[in-house]
Amino acid sequence: MPRGPQGQKRPADAIGNAVKVARIATGEIEETTLKQPAKRKSGLAGAKARQINTTAKERSEIAKLAAEKRWKQ
């Protein structure tokens, strides 16, 4: 079975692929691009907790440091 750009399995024929896309569109099956969706869920929960526990000034300082590191590369 051929693989897509991120390594996901796809049907080899056009009709099979069309059926798969239709099932994803109708919600019959769920396509996840993440290999471990639970990690994303816990990451979002951590981000929410961090936002609650830090002040606006602290978040601003964290964002400035992150931007400096990104632009430094």
Protein backbone atom coordinates (compact mmCIF):
# COMPACT_ATOMS: atom_id res chain seq x y z
CA MET A 1 0.00 0.00 0.00
CA PRO A 2 1.47 3.41 -0.94
CA ARG A 3 2.30 5.98 1.68
CA GLY A 4 1.50 9.68 1.74
CA PRO A 5 3.94 12.55 2.38
CA GLN A 6 3.90 12.01 6.17
CA GLY A 7 4.07 8.22 5.82
CA GLN A 8 0.35 7.55 6.25
CA LYS A 9 -1.23 4.61 4.46
CA ARG A 10 -3.36 5.42 1.40
CA PRO A 11 -5.34 3.22 -0.99
CA ALA A 12 -3.47 2.46 -4.22
CA ASP A 13 -6.39 3.09 -6.58
CA ALA A 14 -8.26 6.35 -7.21
CA ILE A 15 -11.69 4.94 -6.31
CA GLY A 16 -10.46 3.52 -3.03
CA ASN A 17 -8.85 6.84 -2.18
CA ALA A 18 -12.06 8.72 -3.07
CA VAL A 19 -14.07 6.43 -0.78
CA LYS A 20 -11.59 7.02 2.05
CA VAL A 21 -11.74 10.81 1.60
CA ALA A 22 -15.56 10.68 1.59
CA ARG A 23 -15.57 8.66 4.83
CA ILE A 24 -13.23 11.17 6.46
CA ALA A 25 -15.40 14.08 5.25
CA THR A 26 -18.60 12.54 6.64
CA GLY A 27 -16.96 11.65 9.94
CA GLU A 28 -17.41 7.91 9.46
CA ILE A 29 -13.69 7.42 10.12
CA GLU A 30 -11.23 9.78 11.75
CA GLU A 31 -7.89 10.66 10.24
CA THR A 32 -5.19 11.72 12.64
CA THR A 33 -2.00 13.23 11.34
CA LEU A 34 -0.35 12.90 14.73
CA LYS A 35 1.08 9.52 15.61
CA GLN A 36 0.23 10.04 19.28
CA PRO A 37 -2.79 12.36 19.61
CA ALA A 38 -2.72 11.99 23.41
CA LYS A 39 0.51 14.00 23.50
CA ARG A 40 -1.19 16.91 21.78
CA LYS A 41 -4.08 16.76 24.21
CA SER A 42 -1.79 16.84 27.23
CA GLY A 43 0.24 19.63 25.64
CA LEU A 44 -2.86 21.75 25.24
CA ALA A 45 -3.82 21.10 28.86
CA GLY A 46 -0.34 22.12 29.97
CA ALA A 47 -0.52 25.31 27.95
CA LYS A 48 -3.85 26.20 29.52
CA ALA A 49 -2.51 25.52 33.03
CA ARG A 50 0.59 27.60 32.32
CA GLN A 51 -1.56 30.50 31.14
CA ILE A 52 -3.64 30.39 34.32
CA ASN A 53 -0.59 30.20 36.61
CA THR A 54 1.48 32.99 35.04
CA THR A 55 0.87 36.71 34.93
CA ALA A 56 0.62 38.69 31.73
CA LYS A 57 4.06 40.21 32.39
CA GLU A 58 5.65 36.77 32.86
CA ARG A 59 4.04 35.49 29.66
CA SER A 60 5.33 38.54 27.81
CA GLU A 61 8.88 37.90 29.05
CA ILE A 62 8.65 34.23 28.04
CA ALA A 63 7.44 35.22 24.56
CA LYS A 64 10.26 37.75 24.15
CA LEU A 65 12.87 35.12 25.08
CA ALA A 66 11.33 32.64 22.64
CA ALA A 67 11.32 35.22 19.84
CA GLU A 68 14.96 36.10 20.51
CA LYS A 69 15.96 32.43 20.31
CA ARG A 70 13.99 31.94 17.06
CA TRP A 71 15.53 34.97 15.38
CA LYS A 72 19.02 34.23 16.68
CA GLN A 73 19.22 31.05 14.55
